[in-house]
Amino acid sequence: MRQSIANQGEVRIDRIAALPETATKPFTEKNGKGWIISHSETGHHHILGGDCDVMERVDVPTGARILYAIVKEPTRLFQDAATPHAPVNLAPGIYEMRIKREFDPFSEQARRVAD
């Protein structure tokens, strides 16, 4: 089961029934506000607060990032900017968070989108 929840800038959030059987590693990017799900070019990050465990998928295409968040209590994904995207409220459950990517034809490379 996959249920689309929201998009926040370059982050797509889907609720999933269970963690997929794929290689993951513990995600470690945190600051005092929570898990840094995506970095902004201006330094205003997309952050997942609250009591969560976050894992990063290992086998992803170049430039992509796929994270799995096990949310243990109601929380939100928010952006720490002066004029942020609207926060996304998340109920307890398992979520897949994909960071969109784009292809640069001049460098012939794919990279993560950052807003």
C-alpha atoms as a PDB file:
ATOM      1  CA  MET A   1       0.000   0.000   0.000  1.00  0.00           C
ATOM      2  CA  ARG A   2       1.300   3.443  -0.951  1.00  0.00           C
ATOM      3  CA  GLN A   3      -0.609   6.629  -0.161  1.00  0.00           C
ATOM      4  CA  SER A   4       0.615   9.956  -1.500  1.00  0.00           C
ATOM      5  CA  ILE A   5       0.645  12.457   1.360  1.00  0.00           C
ATOM      6  CA  ALA A   6       2.192  15.678   0.042  1.00  0.00           C
ATOM      7  CA  ASN A   7       5.037  17.439  -1.691  1.00  0.00           C
ATOM      8  CA  GLN A   8       7.101  20.076   0.061  1.00  0.00           C
ATOM      9  CA  GLY A   9       9.425  21.729  -2.419  1.00  0.00           C
ATOM     10  CA  GLU A  10      11.673  18.985  -3.768  1.00  0.00           C
ATOM     11  CA  VAL A  11      10.504  16.408  -1.183  1.00  0.00           C
ATOM     12  CA  ARG A  12       7.738  13.923  -2.071  1.00  0.00           C
ATOM     13  CA  ILE A  13       6.131  12.126   0.882  1.00  0.00           C
ATOM     14  CA  ASP A  14       4.258   8.816   0.605  1.00  0.00           C
ATOM     15  CA  ARG A  15       2.867   6.727   3.438  1.00  0.00           C
ATOM     16  CA  ILE A  16       3.786   3.054   3.009  1.00  0.00           C
ATOM     17  CA  ALA A  17       2.535  -0.068   4.774  1.00  0.00           C
ATOM     18  CA  ALA A  18       5.971  -1.493   5.606  1.00  0.00           C
ATOM     19  CA  LEU A  19       9.650  -0.903   5.020  1.00  0.00           C
ATOM     20  CA  PRO A  20      10.720  -2.405   1.683  1.00  0.00           C
ATOM     21  CA  GLU A  21      13.141  -5.308   1.627  1.00  0.00           C
ATOM     22  CA  THR A  22      16.046  -3.307   0.251  1.00  0.00           C
ATOM     23  CA  ALA A  23      19.428  -2.297   1.607  1.00  0.00           C
ATOM     24  CA  THR A  24      19.337   0.702   3.935  1.00  0.00           C
ATOM     25  CA  LYS A  25      21.709   2.406   6.316  1.00  0.00           C
ATOM     26  CA  PRO A  26      21.035   4.604   9.337  1.00  0.00           C
ATOM     27  CA  PHE A  27      20.508   8.231   8.380  1.00  0.00           C
ATOM     28  CA  THR A  28      22.582  10.613  10.484  1.00  0.00           C
ATOM     29  CA  GLU A  29      21.923  14.163   9.224  1.00  0.00           C
ATOM     30  CA  LYS A  30      20.384  16.022  12.171  1.00  0.00           C
ATOM     31  CA  ASN A  31      20.502  19.418  13.764  1.00  0.00           C
ATOM     32  CA  GLY A  32      18.892  20.815  16.922  1.00  0.00           C
ATOM     33  CA  LYS A  33      15.472  20.921  15.199  1.00  0.00           C
ATOM     34  CA  GLY A  34      15.359  17.366  13.837  1.00  0.00           C
ATOM     35  CA  TRP A  35      16.309  15.242  10.820  1.00  0.00           C
ATOM     36  CA  ILE A  36      17.547  17.227   7.789  1.00  0.00           C
ATOM     37  CA  ILE A  37      15.582  15.525   5.019  1.00  0.00           C
ATOM     38  CA  SER A  38      16.768  17.866   2.261  1.00  0.00           C
ATOM     39  CA  HIS A  39      19.238  20.719   2.015  1.00  0.00           C
ATOM     40  CA  SER A  40      18.299  24.028   0.456  1.00  0.00           C
ATOM     41  CA  GLU A  41      20.689  26.024  -1.705  1.00  0.00           C
ATOM     42  CA  THR A  42      19.985  28.974   0.616  1.00  0.00           C
ATOM     43  CA  GLY A  43      20.595  26.998   3.818  1.00  0.00           C
ATOM     44  CA  HIS A  44      16.909  26.632   4.710  1.00  0.00           C
ATOM     45  CA  HIS A  45      16.477  22.912   5.152  1.00  0.00           C
ATOM     46  CA  HIS A  46      13.438  20.610   5.105  1.00  0.00           C
ATOM     47  CA  ILE A  47      13.362  19.133   8.599  1.00  0.00           C
ATOM     48  CA  LEU A  48      11.452  16.231  10.142  1.00  0.00           C
ATOM     49  CA  GLY A  49      10.937  16.822  13.855  1.00  0.00           C
ATOM     50  CA  GLY A  50       9.616  14.573  16.592  1.00  0.00           C
ATOM     51  CA  ASP A  51      10.344  11.004  17.649  1.00  0.00           C
ATOM     52  CA  CYS A  52      11.363   9.209  14.440  1.00  0.00           C
ATOM     53  CA  ASP A  53      13.841   6.681  13.138  1.00  0.00           C
ATOM     54  CA  VAL A  54      15.169   7.495   9.667  1.00  0.00           C
ATOM     55  CA  MET A  55      16.905   5.112   7.260  1.00  0.00           C
ATOM     56  CA  GLU A  56      18.481   5.899   3.883  1.00  0.00           C
ATOM     57  CA  ARG A  57      18.087   3.571   0.904  1.00  0.00           C
ATOM     58  CA  VAL A  58      21.461   2.478  -0.455  1.00  0.00           C
ATOM     59  CA  ASP A  59      20.675   1.412  -4.047  1.00  0.00           C
ATOM     60  CA  VAL A  60      19.431   4.640  -5.643  1.00  0.00           C
ATOM     61  CA  PRO A  61      20.125   6.220  -9.039  1.00  0.00           C
ATOM     62  CA  THR A  62      22.784   8.928  -9.256  1.00  0.00           C
ATOM     63  CA  GLY A  63      21.580  12.201  -7.764  1.00  0.00           C
ATOM     64  CA  ALA A  64      18.610  10.638  -5.968  1.00  0.00           C
ATOM     65  CA  ARG A  65      17.919  10.196  -2.272  1.00  0.00           C
ATOM     66  CA  ILE A  66      15.238   7.962  -0.773  1.00  0.00           C
ATOM     67  CA  LEU A  67      14.627   8.019   2.969  1.00  0.00           C
ATOM     68  CA  TYR A  68      12.295   5.957   5.144  1.00  0.00           C
ATOM     69  CA  ALA A  69      10.935   7.530   8.312  1.00  0.00           C
ATOM     70  CA  ILE A  70       9.306   5.525  11.073  1.00  0.00           C
ATOM     71  CA  VAL A  71       7.235   8.189  12.804  1.00  0.00           C
ATOM     72  CA  LYS A  72       6.412   7.231  16.402  1.00  0.00           C
ATOM     73  CA  GLU A  73       4.332  10.263  17.416  1.00  0.00           C
ATOM     74  CA  PRO A  74       2.486  12.988  15.473  1.00  0.00           C
ATOM     75  CA  THR A  75       5.052  15.338  13.982  1.00  0.00           C
ATOM     76  CA  ARG A  76       5.631  17.517  10.943  1.00  0.00           C
ATOM     77  CA  LEU A  77       7.998  18.139   8.067  1.00  0.00           C
ATOM     78  CA  PHE A  78       8.817  21.839   7.952  1.00  0.00           C
ATOM     79  CA  GLN A  79      11.227  24.235   6.303  1.00  0.00           C
ATOM     80  CA  ASP A  80      13.344  26.529   8.475  1.00  0.00           C
ATOM     81  CA  ALA A  81      13.100  29.597   6.228  1.00  0.00           C
ATOM     82  CA  ALA A  82      11.748  33.136   6.717  1.00  0.00           C
ATOM     83  CA  THR A  83       9.066  32.363   4.101  1.00  0.00           C
ATOM     84  CA  PRO A  84       8.788  28.562   4.310  1.00  0.00           C
ATOM     85  CA  HIS A  85       6.683  26.022   2.470  1.00  0.00           C
ATOM     86  CA  ALA A  86       3.591  25.050   4.480  1.00  0.00           C
ATOM     87  CA  PRO A  87       4.409  22.334   7.050  1.00  0.00           C
ATOM     88  CA  VAL A  88       3.204  18.785   6.410  1.00  0.00           C
ATOM     89  CA  ASN A  89       1.651  17.078   9.433  1.00  0.00           C
ATOM     90  CA  LEU A  90       2.457  13.375   9.766  1.00  0.00           C
ATOM     91  CA  ALA A  91       0.632  10.826  11.906  1.00  0.00           C
ATOM     92  CA  PRO A  92       2.493   7.842  13.359  1.00  0.00           C
ATOM     93  CA  GLY A  93       3.410   5.381  10.608  1.00  0.00           C
ATOM     94  CA  ILE A  94       6.031   4.632   7.952  1.00  0.00           C
ATOM     95  CA  TYR A  95       6.841   7.158   5.239  1.00  0.00           C
ATOM     96  CA  GLU A  96       8.984   7.158   2.137  1.00  0.00           C
ATOM     97  CA  MET A  97      10.533  10.532   1.337  1.00  0.00           C
ATOM     98  CA  ARG A  98      12.012  10.985  -2.116  1.00  0.00           C
ATOM     99  CA  ILE A  99      14.165  13.961  -3.008  1.00  0.00           C
ATOM    100  CA  LYS A 100      13.461  14.896  -6.612  1.00  0.00           C
ATOM    101  CA  ARG A 101      16.339  15.069  -9.040  1.00  0.00           C
ATOM    102  CA  GLU A 102      16.998  16.863 -12.278  1.00  0.00           C
ATOM    103  CA  PHE A 103      19.284  16.246 -15.230  1.00  0.00           C
ATOM    104  CA  ASP A 104      21.758  18.909 -16.326  1.00  0.00           C
ATOM    105  CA  PRO A 105      22.357  18.360 -20.058  1.00  0.00           C
ATOM    106  CA  PHE A 106      25.473  20.567 -20.046  1.00  0.00           C
ATOM    107  CA  SER A 107      27.317  18.578 -17.384  1.00  0.00           C
ATOM    108  CA  GLU A 108      25.460  15.391 -18.335  1.00  0.00           C
ATOM    109  CA  GLN A 109      24.812  14.683 -14.664  1.00  0.00           C
ATOM    110  CA  ALA A 110      21.766  14.102 -12.532  1.00  0.00           C
ATOM    111  CA  ARG A 111      21.590  15.951  -9.228  1.00  0.00           C
ATOM    112  CA  ARG A 112      19.166  16.463  -6.354  1.00  0.00           C
ATOM    113  CA  VAL A 113      16.764  19.342  -6.722  1.00  0.00           C
ATOM    114  CA  ALA A 114      17.190  22.055  -4.077  1.00  0.00           C
ATOM    115  CA  ASP A 115      14.869  24.997  -3.615  1.00  0.00           C
END
